[in-house]
């Protein structure tokens, strides 16, 4: 997206809706990957991997990986979605704010 001479970036409602769709798709993909990873780890420990090393790995997984791809990613995507929805609600849906201001200034 090119910027004009004023450094302004024009955003259309369509662009924001596309961003929301991308977030939904990303979230669905990461949820599926998270579930698959969780299934692998819980299937691995203690059935195929046990002892102190397994306990240490499970602690690391629970305290770091699980929090990052679980709650952390969920909160990040939620915040991103809320930002985009807020911007989308703030701009007119039809022609965009710039066009409406231009028409109003001509009157």
PDB file of N, CA and C in Angstrom:
ATOM      1  N   UNK A   1       0.860  -1.164   0.000  1.00  0.00           N
ATOM      2  CA  UNK A   1       0.000   0.000   0.000  1.00  0.00           C
ATOM      3  C   UNK A   1       0.904   1.223   0.000  1.00  0.00           C
ATOM      4  N   UNK A   2       0.764   2.052  -1.011  1.00  0.00           N
ATOM      5  CA  UNK A   2       1.597   3.242  -1.140  1.00  0.00           C
ATOM      6  C   UNK A   2       1.033   4.382  -0.308  1.00  0.00           C
ATOM      7  N   UNK A   3       1.932   5.208   0.185  1.00  0.00           N
ATOM      8  CA  UNK A   3       1.519   6.382   0.943  1.00  0.00           C
ATOM      9  C   UNK A   3       1.533   7.589   0.026  1.00  0.00           C
ATOM     10  N   UNK A   4       0.645   8.519   0.297  1.00  0.00           N
ATOM     11  CA  UNK A   4       0.611   9.759  -0.448  1.00  0.00           C
ATOM     12  C   UNK A   4       1.704  10.699   0.023  1.00  0.00           C
ATOM     13  N   UNK A   5       1.709  11.875  -0.512  1.00  0.00           N
ATOM     14  CA  UNK A   5       2.747  12.832  -0.158  1.00  0.00           C
ATOM     15  C   UNK A   5       2.617  13.328   1.275  1.00  0.00           C
ATOM     16  N   UNK A   6       1.470  13.134   1.882  1.00  0.00           N
ATOM     17  CA  UNK A   6       1.270  13.569   3.270  1.00  0.00           C
ATOM     18  C   UNK A   6       1.662  12.491   4.271  1.00  0.00           C
ATOM     19  N   UNK A   7       2.018  11.304   3.798  1.00  0.00           N
ATOM     20  CA  UNK A   7       2.352  10.210   4.699  1.00  0.00           C
ATOM     21  C   UNK A   7       1.122   9.510   5.239  1.00  0.00           C
ATOM     22  N   UNK A   8      -0.016   9.760   4.624  1.00  0.00           N
ATOM     23  CA  UNK A   8      -1.273   9.177   5.075  1.00  0.00           C
ATOM     24  C   UNK A   8      -1.484   7.821   4.412  1.00  0.00           C
ATOM     25  N   UNK A   9      -1.930   6.863   5.198  1.00  0.00           N
ATOM     26  CA  UNK A   9      -2.273   5.554   4.674  1.00  0.00           C
ATOM     27  C   UNK A   9      -3.792   5.461   4.641  1.00  0.00           C
ATOM     28  N   UNK A  10      -4.341   5.197   3.486  1.00  0.00           N
ATOM     29  CA  UNK A  10      -5.794   5.070   3.348  1.00  0.00           C
ATOM     30  C   UNK A  10      -6.207   3.638   3.671  1.00  0.00           C
ATOM     31  N   UNK A  11      -7.202   3.511   4.520  1.00  0.00           N
ATOM     32  CA  UNK A  11      -7.723   2.200   4.910  1.00  0.00           C
ATOM     33  C   UNK A  11      -9.186   2.142   4.512  1.00  0.00           C
ATOM     34  N   UNK A  12      -9.555   1.083   3.848  1.00  0.00           N
ATOM     35  CA  UNK A  12     -10.950   0.908   3.452  1.00  0.00           C
ATOM     36  C   UNK A  12     -11.605  -0.136   4.352  1.00  0.00           C
ATOM     37  N   UNK A  13     -12.925  -0.098   4.458  1.00  0.00           N
ATOM     38  CA  UNK A  13     -13.618  -1.133   5.226  1.00  0.00           C
ATOM     39  C   UNK A  13     -13.315  -2.540   4.701  1.00  0.00           C
ATOM     40  N   UNK A  14     -13.159  -2.659   3.388  1.00  0.00           N
ATOM     41  CA  UNK A  14     -12.841  -3.969   2.805  1.00  0.00           C
ATOM     42  C   UNK A  14     -11.494  -4.485   3.311  1.00  0.00           C
ATOM     43  N   UNK A  15     -10.526  -3.601   3.405  1.00  0.00           N
ATOM     44  CA  UNK A  15      -9.211  -3.992   3.917  1.00  0.00           C
ATOM     45  C   UNK A  15      -9.319  -4.483   5.357  1.00  0.00           C
ATOM     46  N   UNK A  16     -10.108  -3.807   6.151  1.00  0.00           N
ATOM     47  CA  UNK A  16     -10.273  -4.204   7.545  1.00  0.00           C
ATOM     48  C   UNK A  16     -11.025  -5.525   7.665  1.00  0.00           C
ATOM     49  N   UNK A  17     -12.039  -5.716   6.833  1.00  0.00           N
ATOM     50  CA  UNK A  17     -12.758  -7.004   6.853  1.00  0.00           C
ATOM     51  C   UNK A  17     -11.830  -8.141   6.408  1.00  0.00           C
ATOM     52  N   UNK A  18     -10.966  -7.868   5.434  1.00  0.00           N
ATOM     53  CA  UNK A  18      -9.992  -8.877   5.011  1.00  0.00           C
ATOM     54  C   UNK A  18      -9.020  -9.201   6.144  1.00  0.00           C
ATOM     55  N   UNK A  19      -8.635  -8.180   6.895  1.00  0.00           N
ATOM     56  CA  UNK A  19      -7.749  -8.406   8.042  1.00  0.00           C
ATOM     57  C   UNK A  19      -8.441  -9.263   9.099  1.00  0.00           C
ATOM     58  N   UNK A  20      -9.726  -9.006   9.352  1.00  0.00           N
ATOM     59  CA  UNK A  20     -10.466  -9.823  10.315  1.00  0.00           C
ATOM     60  C   UNK A  20     -10.568 -11.268   9.842  1.00  0.00           C
ATOM     61  N   UNK A  21     -10.793 -11.462   8.549  1.00  0.00           N
ATOM     62  CA  UNK A  21     -10.835 -12.822   8.000  1.00  0.00           C
ATOM     63  C   UNK A  21      -9.487 -13.519   8.152  1.00  0.00           C
ATOM     64  N   UNK A  22      -8.407 -12.773   7.930  1.00  0.00           N
ATOM     65  CA  UNK A  22      -7.066 -13.344   8.087  1.00  0.00           C
ATOM     66  C   UNK A  22      -6.804 -13.735   9.534  1.00  0.00           C
ATOM     67  N   UNK A  23      -7.253 -12.906  10.462  1.00  0.00           N
ATOM     68  CA  UNK A  23      -7.089 -13.226  11.890  1.00  0.00           C
ATOM     69  C   UNK A  23      -7.870 -14.488  12.232  1.00  0.00           C
ATOM     70  N   UNK A  24      -9.100 -14.595  11.729  1.00  0.00           N
ATOM     71  CA  UNK A  24      -9.915 -15.790  11.990  1.00  0.00           C
ATOM     72  C   UNK A  24      -9.230 -17.043  11.443  1.00  0.00           C
ATOM     73  N   UNK A  25      -8.701 -16.939  10.233  1.00  0.00           N
ATOM     74  CA  UNK A  25      -8.027 -18.081   9.608  1.00  0.00           C
ATOM     75  C   UNK A  25      -6.764 -18.450  10.385  1.00  0.00           C
ATOM     76  N   UNK A  26      -5.999 -17.449  10.770  1.00  0.00           N
ATOM     77  CA  UNK A  26      -4.779 -17.677  11.541  1.00  0.00           C
ATOM     78  C   UNK A  26      -5.109 -18.333  12.875  1.00  0.00           C
ATOM     79  N   UNK A  27      -6.151 -17.830  13.526  1.00  0.00           N
ATOM     80  CA  UNK A  27      -6.543 -18.381  14.821  1.00  0.00           C
ATOM     81  C   UNK A  27      -6.982 -19.839  14.691  1.00  0.00           C
ATOM     82  N   UNK A  28      -7.751 -20.144  13.667  1.00  0.00           N
ATOM     83  CA  UNK A  28      -8.192 -21.527  13.463  1.00  0.00           C
ATOM     84  C   UNK A  28      -6.992 -22.447  13.222  1.00  0.00           C
ATOM     85  N   UNK A  29      -6.053 -21.990  12.413  1.00  0.00           N
ATOM     86  CA  UNK A  29      -4.861 -22.786  12.127  1.00  0.00           C
ATOM     87  C   UNK A  29      -4.030 -23.006  13.380  1.00  0.00           C
ATOM     88  N   UNK A  30      -3.794 -21.937  14.141  1.00  0.00           N
ATOM     89  CA  UNK A  30      -2.977 -22.084  15.348  1.00  0.00           C
ATOM     90  C   UNK A  30      -3.691 -22.920  16.406  1.00  0.00           C
ATOM     91  N   UNK A  31      -5.015 -22.836  16.475  1.00  0.00           N
ATOM     92  CA  UNK A  31      -5.755 -23.681  17.422  1.00  0.00           C
ATOM     93  C   UNK A  31      -5.598 -25.154  17.062  1.00  0.00           C
ATOM     94  N   UNK A  32      -5.663 -25.459  15.762  1.00  0.00           N
ATOM     95  CA  UNK A  32      -5.481 -26.847  15.323  1.00  0.00           C
ATOM     96  C   UNK A  32      -4.070 -27.341  15.609  1.00  0.00           C
ATOM     97  N   UNK A  33      -3.074 -26.504  15.345  1.00  0.00           N
ATOM     98  CA  UNK A  33      -1.684 -26.879  15.618  1.00  0.00           C
ATOM     99  C   UNK A  33      -1.452 -27.034  17.122  1.00  0.00           C
ATOM    100  N   UNK A  34      -2.048 -26.153  17.908  1.00  0.00           N
ATOM    101  CA  UNK A  34      -1.922 -26.232  19.365  1.00  0.00           C
ATOM    102  C   UNK A  34      -2.521 -27.534  19.887  1.00  0.00           C
ATOM    103  N   UNK A  35      -3.680 -27.893  19.374  1.00  0.00           N
ATOM    104  CA  UNK A  35      -4.322 -29.141  19.799  1.00  0.00           C
ATOM    105  C   UNK A  35      -3.466 -30.353  19.418  1.00  0.00           C
ATOM    106  N   UNK A  36      -2.899 -30.331  18.218  1.00  0.00           N
ATOM    107  CA  UNK A  36      -2.052 -31.443  17.773  1.00  0.00           C
ATOM    108  C   UNK A  36      -0.785 -31.538  18.627  1.00  0.00           C
ATOM    109  N   UNK A  37      -0.191 -30.401  18.939  1.00  0.00           N
ATOM    110  CA  UNK A  37       1.001 -30.390  19.790  1.00  0.00           C
ATOM    111  C   UNK A  37       0.672 -30.913  21.175  1.00  0.00           C
ATOM    112  N   UNK A  38      -0.435 -30.472  21.725  1.00  0.00           N
ATOM    113  CA  UNK A  38      -0.863 -30.921  23.051  1.00  0.00           C
ATOM    114  C   UNK A  38      -1.073 -32.432  23.062  1.00  0.00           C
ATOM    115  N   UNK A  39      -1.705 -32.934  22.023  1.00  0.00           N
ATOM    116  CA  UNK A  39      -1.953 -34.376  21.922  1.00  0.00           C
ATOM    117  C   UNK A  39      -0.635 -35.149  21.850  1.00  0.00           C
ATOM    118  N   UNK A  40       0.311 -34.621  21.105  1.00  0.00           N
ATOM    119  CA  UNK A  40       1.615 -35.274  20.981  1.00  0.00           C
ATOM    120  C   UNK A  40       2.344 -35.303  22.317  1.00  0.00           C
ATOM    121  N   UNK A  41       2.373 -34.171  23.001  1.00  0.00           N
ATOM    122  CA  UNK A  41       3.087 -34.096  24.278  1.00  0.00           C
ATOM    123  C   UNK A  41       2.432 -34.994  25.322  1.00  0.00           C
ATOM    124  N   UNK A  42       1.116 -34.947  25.427  1.00  0.00           N
ATOM    125  CA  UNK A  42       0.450 -35.776  26.440  1.00  0.00           C
ATOM    126  C   UNK A  42       0.522 -37.263  26.081  1.00  0.00           C
ATOM    127  N   UNK A  43       0.656 -37.577  24.810  1.00  0.00           N
ATOM    128  CA  UNK A  43       0.837 -38.977  24.413  1.00  0.00           C
ATOM    129  C   UNK A  43       2.258 -39.464  24.648  1.00  0.00           C
ATOM    130  N   UNK A  44       3.184 -38.538  24.576  1.00  0.00           N
ATOM    131  CA  UNK A  44       4.594 -38.876  24.747  1.00  0.00           C
ATOM    132  C   UNK A  44       4.965 -39.094  26.213  1.00  0.00           C
ATOM    133  N   UNK A  45       4.423 -38.243  27.070  1.00  0.00           N
ATOM    134  CA  UNK A  45       4.752 -38.284  28.497  1.00  0.00           C
ATOM    135  C   UNK A  45       3.544 -38.789  29.275  1.00  0.00           C
ATOM    136  N   UNK A  46       3.618 -39.787  30.073  1.00  0.00           N
ATOM    137  CA  UNK A  46       4.772 -40.582  30.468  1.00  0.00           C
ATOM    138  C   UNK A  46       4.934 -41.871  29.682  1.00  0.00           C
ATOM    139  N   UNK A  47       4.066 -42.116  28.675  1.00  0.00           N
ATOM    140  CA  UNK A  47       4.095 -43.390  27.966  1.00  0.00           C
ATOM    141  C   UNK A  47       5.425 -43.736  27.324  1.00  0.00           C
ATOM    142  N   UNK A  48       6.042 -42.807  26.606  1.00  0.00           N
ATOM    143  CA  UNK A  48       7.283 -43.097  25.894  1.00  0.00           C
ATOM    144  C   UNK A  48       8.479 -42.346  26.451  1.00  0.00           C
ATOM    145  N   UNK A  49       8.235 -41.414  27.323  1.00  0.00           N
ATOM    146  CA  UNK A  49       9.300 -40.563  27.846  1.00  0.00           C
ATOM    147  C   UNK A  49       8.991 -40.307  29.311  1.00  0.00           C
ATOM    148  N   UNK A  50       9.875 -40.785  30.191  1.00  0.00           N
ATOM    149  CA  UNK A  50       9.618 -40.623  31.616  1.00  0.00           C
ATOM    150  C   UNK A  50      10.922 -40.337  32.344  1.00  0.00           C
ATOM    151  N   UNK A  51      10.793 -40.028  33.613  1.00  0.00           N
ATOM    152  CA  UNK A  51      11.960 -39.731  34.434  1.00  0.00           C
ATOM    153  C   UNK A  51      12.125 -38.239  34.629  1.00  0.00           C
ATOM    154  N   UNK A  52      13.276 -37.860  35.162  1.00  0.00           N
ATOM    155  CA  UNK A  52      13.540 -36.464  35.470  1.00  0.00           C
ATOM    156  C   UNK A  52      13.571 -35.597  34.213  1.00  0.00           C
ATOM    157  N   UNK A  53      14.146 -36.102  33.152  1.00  0.00           N
ATOM    158  CA  UNK A  53      14.198 -35.325  31.906  1.00  0.00           C
ATOM    159  C   UNK A  53      12.783 -35.062  31.391  1.00  0.00           C
ATOM    160  N   UNK A  54      11.925 -36.053  31.465  1.00  0.00           N
ATOM    161  CA  UNK A  54      10.541 -35.894  31.031  1.00  0.00           C
ATOM    162  C   UNK A  54       9.808 -34.903  31.920  1.00  0.00           C
ATOM    163  N   UNK A  55      10.045 -34.993  33.215  1.00  0.00           N
ATOM    164  CA  UNK A  55       9.422 -34.052  34.146  1.00  0.00           C
ATOM    165  C   UNK A  55       9.875 -32.624  33.848  1.00  0.00           C
ATOM    166  N   UNK A  56      11.168 -32.460  33.581  1.00  0.00           N
ATOM    167  CA  UNK A  56      11.699 -31.138  33.246  1.00  0.00           C
ATOM    168  C   UNK A  56      11.113 -30.611  31.951  1.00  0.00           C
ATOM    169  N   UNK A  57      11.005 -31.480  30.953  1.00  0.00           N
ATOM    170  CA  UNK A  57      10.412 -31.058  29.687  1.00  0.00           C
ATOM    171  C   UNK A  57       8.952 -30.668  29.877  1.00  0.00           C
ATOM    172  N   UNK A  58       8.211 -31.463  30.653  1.00  0.00           N
ATOM    173  CA  UNK A  58       6.794 -31.171  30.874  1.00  0.00           C
ATOM    174  C   UNK A  58       6.633 -29.843  31.603  1.00  0.00           C
ATOM    175  N   UNK A  59       7.517 -29.556  32.556  1.00  0.00           N
ATOM    176  CA  UNK A  59       7.479 -28.271  33.256  1.00  0.00           C
ATOM    177  C   UNK A  59       7.728 -27.136  32.260  1.00  0.00           C
ATOM    178  N   UNK A  60       8.762 -27.291  31.423  1.00  0.00           N
ATOM    179  CA  UNK A  60       9.080 -26.275  30.420  1.00  0.00           C
ATOM    180  C   UNK A  60       7.905 -26.088  29.461  1.00  0.00           C
ATOM    181  N   UNK A  61       7.326 -27.176  29.016  1.00  0.00           N
ATOM    182  CA  UNK A  61       6.193 -27.107  28.094  1.00  0.00           C
ATOM    183  C   UNK A  61       5.022 -26.367  28.729  1.00  0.00           C
ATOM    184  N   UNK A  62       4.673 -26.728  29.943  1.00  0.00           N
ATOM    185  CA  UNK A  62       3.532 -26.131  30.640  1.00  0.00           C
ATOM    186  C   UNK A  62       3.757 -24.656  30.957  1.00  0.00           C
ATOM    187  N   UNK A  63       4.945 -24.326  31.429  1.00  0.00           N
ATOM    188  CA  UNK A  63       5.219 -22.960  31.873  1.00  0.00           C
ATOM    189  C   UNK A  63       5.569 -21.997  30.744  1.00  0.00           C
ATOM    190  N   UNK A  64       6.061 -22.508  29.637  1.00  0.00           N
ATOM    191  CA  UNK A  64       6.514 -21.620  28.569  1.00  0.00           C
ATOM    192  C   UNK A  64       5.734 -21.789  27.271  1.00  0.00           C
ATOM    193  N   UNK A  65       5.802 -22.959  26.710  1.00  0.00           N
ATOM    194  CA  UNK A  65       5.180 -23.181  25.402  1.00  0.00           C
ATOM    195  C   UNK A  65       3.663 -23.074  25.493  1.00  0.00           C
ATOM    196  N   UNK A  66       3.090 -23.761  26.454  1.00  0.00           N
ATOM    197  CA  UNK A  66       1.625 -23.760  26.601  1.00  0.00           C
ATOM    198  C   UNK A  66       1.086 -22.353  26.848  1.00  0.00           C
ATOM    199  N   UNK A  67       1.764 -21.594  27.685  1.00  0.00           N
ATOM    200  CA  UNK A  67       1.311 -20.223  27.964  1.00  0.00           C
ATOM    201  C   UNK A  67       1.451 -19.333  26.733  1.00  0.00           C
ATOM    202  N   UNK A  68       2.513 -19.532  25.960  1.00  0.00           N
ATOM    203  CA  UNK A  68       2.732 -18.688  24.774  1.00  0.00           C
ATOM    204  C   UNK A  68       1.731 -19.003  23.669  1.00  0.00           C
ATOM    205  N   UNK A  69       1.553 -20.269  23.350  1.00  0.00           N
ATOM    206  CA  UNK A  69       0.656 -20.615  22.238  1.00  0.00           C
ATOM    207  C   UNK A  69      -0.787 -20.767  22.675  1.00  0.00           C
ATOM    208  N   UNK A  70      -1.014 -20.794  23.955  1.00  0.00           N
ATOM    209  CA  UNK A  70      -2.374 -20.869  24.479  1.00  0.00           C
ATOM    210  C   UNK A  70      -2.904 -19.493  24.805  1.00  0.00           C
ATOM    211  N   UNK A  71      -2.782 -19.121  26.045  1.00  0.00           N
ATOM    212  CA  UNK A  71      -3.334 -17.859  26.540  1.00  0.00           C
ATOM    213  C   UNK A  71      -2.686 -16.635  25.886  1.00  0.00           C
ATOM    214  N   UNK A  72      -1.371 -16.659  25.720  1.00  0.00           N
ATOM    215  CA  UNK A  72      -0.672 -15.504  25.150  1.00  0.00           C
ATOM    216  C   UNK A  72      -1.128 -15.193  23.735  1.00  0.00           C
ATOM    217  N   UNK A  73      -1.157 -16.198  22.890  1.00  0.00           N
ATOM    218  CA  UNK A  73      -1.578 -15.996  21.502  1.00  0.00           C
ATOM    219  C   UNK A  73      -3.053 -15.645  21.420  1.00  0.00           C
ATOM    220  N   UNK A  74      -3.861 -16.277  22.237  1.00  0.00           N
ATOM    221  CA  UNK A  74      -5.294 -15.980  22.262  1.00  0.00           C
ATOM    222  C   UNK A  74      -5.536 -14.518  22.619  1.00  0.00           C
ATOM    223  N   UNK A  75      -4.843 -14.020  23.637  1.00  0.00           N
ATOM    224  CA  UNK A  75      -4.996 -12.620  24.045  1.00  0.00           C
ATOM    225  C   UNK A  75      -4.493 -11.658  22.979  1.00  0.00           C
ATOM    226  N   UNK A  76      -3.399 -12.005  22.324  1.00  0.00           N
ATOM    227  CA  UNK A  76      -2.858 -11.161  21.265  1.00  0.00           C
ATOM    228  C   UNK A  76      -3.836 -11.054  20.096  1.00  0.00           C
ATOM    229  N   UNK A  77      -4.381 -12.173  19.667  1.00  0.00           N
ATOM    230  CA  UNK A  77      -5.343 -12.164  18.558  1.00  0.00           C
ATOM    231  C   UNK A  77      -6.628 -11.439  18.943  1.00  0.00           C
ATOM    232  N   UNK A  78      -7.054 -11.591  20.183  1.00  0.00           N
ATOM    233  CA  UNK A  78      -8.249 -10.890  20.655  1.00  0.00           C
ATOM    234  C   UNK A  78      -8.026  -9.378  20.615  1.00  0.00           C
ATOM    235  N   UNK A  79      -6.869  -8.919  21.081  1.00  0.00           N
ATOM    236  CA  UNK A  79      -6.561  -7.486  21.063  1.00  0.00           C
ATOM    237  C   UNK A  79      -6.484  -6.958  19.635  1.00  0.00           C
ATOM    238  N   UNK A  80      -5.850  -7.699  18.763  1.00  0.00           N
ATOM    239  CA  UNK A  80      -5.743  -7.294  17.362  1.00  0.00           C
ATOM    240  C   UNK A  80      -7.124  -7.203  16.719  1.00  0.00           C
ATOM    241  N   UNK A  81      -7.971  -8.192  17.004  1.00  0.00           N
ATOM    242  CA  UNK A  81      -9.330  -8.188  16.469  1.00  0.00           C
ATOM    243  C   UNK A  81     -10.113  -6.966  16.985  1.00  0.00           C
ATOM    244  N   UNK A  82      -9.982  -6.667  18.276  1.00  0.00           N
ATOM    245  CA  UNK A  82     -10.688  -5.523  18.858  1.00  0.00           C
ATOM    246  C   UNK A  82     -10.217  -4.200  18.259  1.00  0.00           C
ATOM    247  N   UNK A  83      -8.928  -4.069  18.000  1.00  0.00           N
ATOM    248  CA  UNK A  83      -8.398  -2.858  17.373  1.00  0.00           C
ATOM    249  C   UNK A  83      -8.987  -2.676  15.985  1.00  0.00           C
ATOM    250  N   UNK A  84      -8.971  -3.728  15.205  1.00  0.00           N
ATOM    251  CA  UNK A  84      -9.478  -3.641  13.831  1.00  0.00           C
ATOM    252  C   UNK A  84     -10.981  -3.390  13.826  1.00  0.00           C
ATOM    253  N   UNK A  85     -11.721  -4.058  14.695  1.00  0.00           N
ATOM    254  CA  UNK A  85     -13.167  -3.823  14.772  1.00  0.00           C
ATOM    255  C   UNK A  85     -13.463  -2.385  15.189  1.00  0.00           C
ATOM    256  N   UNK A  86     -12.668  -1.833  16.097  1.00  0.00           N
ATOM    257  CA  UNK A  86     -12.854  -0.449  16.516  1.00  0.00           C
ATOM    258  C   UNK A  86     -12.626   0.523  15.373  1.00  0.00           C
ATOM    259  N   UNK A  87     -11.580   0.284  14.606  1.00  0.00           N
ATOM    260  CA  UNK A  87     -11.306   1.136  13.438  1.00  0.00           C
ATOM    261  C   UNK A  87     -12.422   0.992  12.418  1.00  0.00           C
ATOM    262  N   UNK A  88     -12.861  -0.227  12.194  1.00  0.00           N
ATOM    263  CA  UNK A  88     -13.928  -0.475  11.221  1.00  0.00           C
ATOM    264  C   UNK A  88     -15.215   0.244  11.606  1.00  0.00           C
ATOM    265  N   UNK A  89     -15.541   0.262  12.876  1.00  0.00           N
ATOM    266  CA  UNK A  89     -16.745   0.960  13.336  1.00  0.00           C
ATOM    267  C   UNK A  89     -16.599   2.474  13.227  1.00  0.00           C
ATOM    268  N   UNK A  90     -15.364   2.958  13.259  1.00  0.00           N
ATOM    269  CA  UNK A  90     -15.138   4.402  13.259  1.00  0.00           C
ATOM    270  C   UNK A  90     -15.148   5.028  11.866  1.00  0.00           C
ATOM    271  N   UNK A  91     -15.027   4.206  10.829  1.00  0.00           N
ATOM    272  CA  UNK A  91     -15.013   4.767   9.480  1.00  0.00           C
ATOM    273  C   UNK A  91     -16.306   4.416   8.766  1.00  0.00           C
ATOM    274  N   UNK A  92     -16.769   5.307   7.899  1.00  0.00           N
ATOM    275  CA  UNK A  92     -17.983   5.029   7.139  1.00  0.00           C
ATOM    276  C   UNK A  92     -17.786   3.826   6.222  1.00  0.00           C
ATOM    277  N   UNK A  93     -18.848   3.097   6.007  1.00  0.00           N
ATOM    278  CA  UNK A  93     -18.760   1.862   5.238  1.00  0.00           C
ATOM    279  C   UNK A  93     -18.759   2.082   3.729  1.00  0.00           C
ATOM    280  N   UNK A  94     -19.401   3.107   3.256  1.00  0.00           N
ATOM    281  CA  UNK A  94     -19.597   3.239   1.816  1.00  0.00           C
ATOM    282  C   UNK A  94     -18.370   3.798   1.097  1.00  0.00           C
ATOM    283  N   UNK A  95     -18.194   5.105   1.147  1.00  0.00           N
ATOM    284  CA  UNK A  95     -17.166   5.749   0.346  1.00  0.00           C
ATOM    285  C   UNK A  95     -15.890   6.049   1.115  1.00  0.00           C
ATOM    286  N   UNK A  96     -15.915   5.993   2.396  1.00  0.00           N
ATOM    287  CA  UNK A  96     -14.760   6.357   3.192  1.00  0.00           C
ATOM    288  C   UNK A  96     -14.892   7.777   3.695  1.00  0.00           C
ATOM    289  N   UNK A  97     -14.212   8.051   4.758  1.00  0.00           N
ATOM    290  CA  UNK A  97     -14.308   9.352   5.405  1.00  0.00           C
ATOM    291  C   UNK A  97     -13.772  10.470   4.520  1.00  0.00           C
ATOM    292  N   UNK A  98     -12.673  10.228   3.829  1.00  0.00           N
ATOM    293  CA  UNK A  98     -12.075  11.266   2.999  1.00  0.00           C
ATOM    294  C   UNK A  98     -13.043  11.739   1.924  1.00  0.00           C
ATOM    295  N   UNK A  99     -13.729  10.813   1.274  1.00  0.00           N
ATOM    296  CA  UNK A  99     -14.687  11.183   0.229  1.00  0.00           C
ATOM    297  C   UNK A  99     -15.851  11.976   0.813  1.00  0.00           C
ATOM    298  N   UNK A 100     -16.341  11.565   1.978  1.00  0.00           N
ATOM    299  CA  UNK A 100     -17.449  12.276   2.604  1.00  0.00           C
ATOM    300  C   UNK A 100     -17.021  13.677   3.044  1.00  0.00           C
ATOM    301  N   UNK A 101     -15.830  13.812   3.578  1.00  0.00           N
ATOM    302  CA  UNK A 101     -15.341  15.136   3.968  1.00  0.00           C
ATOM    303  C   UNK A 101     -15.135  16.015   2.730  1.00  0.00           C
ATOM    304  N   UNK A 102     -14.647  15.409   1.665  1.00  0.00           N
ATOM    305  CA  UNK A 102     -14.468  16.175   0.427  1.00  0.00           C
ATOM    306  C   UNK A 102     -15.791  16.697  -0.105  1.00  0.00           C
ATOM    307  N   UNK A 103     -16.812  15.849  -0.094  1.00  0.00           N
ATOM    308  CA  UNK A 103     -18.142  16.279  -0.552  1.00  0.00           C
ATOM    309  C   UNK A 103     -18.704  17.353   0.353  1.00  0.00           C
ATOM    310  N   UNK A 104     -18.512  17.178   1.659  1.00  0.00           N
ATOM    311  CA  UNK A 104     -19.013  18.174   2.603  1.00  0.00           C
ATOM    312  C   UNK A 104     -18.309  19.507   2.469  1.00  0.00           C
ATOM    313  N   UNK A 105     -17.027  19.478   2.200  1.00  0.00           N
ATOM    314  CA  UNK A 105     -16.270  20.715   2.047  1.00  0.00           C
ATOM    315  C   UNK A 105     -16.638  21.472   0.781  1.00  0.00           C
ATOM    316  N   UNK A 106     -17.218  20.806  -0.190  1.00  0.00           N
ATOM    317  CA  UNK A 106     -17.625  21.464  -1.429  1.00  0.00           C
ATOM    318  C   UNK A 106     -18.960  22.181  -1.292  1.00  0.00           C
ATOM    319  N   UNK A 107     -19.649  21.978  -0.203  1.00  0.00           N
ATOM    320  CA  UNK A 107     -20.974  22.597  -0.034  1.00  0.00           C
ATOM    321  C   UNK A 107     -20.870  23.961   0.595  1.00  0.00           C
TER     322      UNK A 107
END
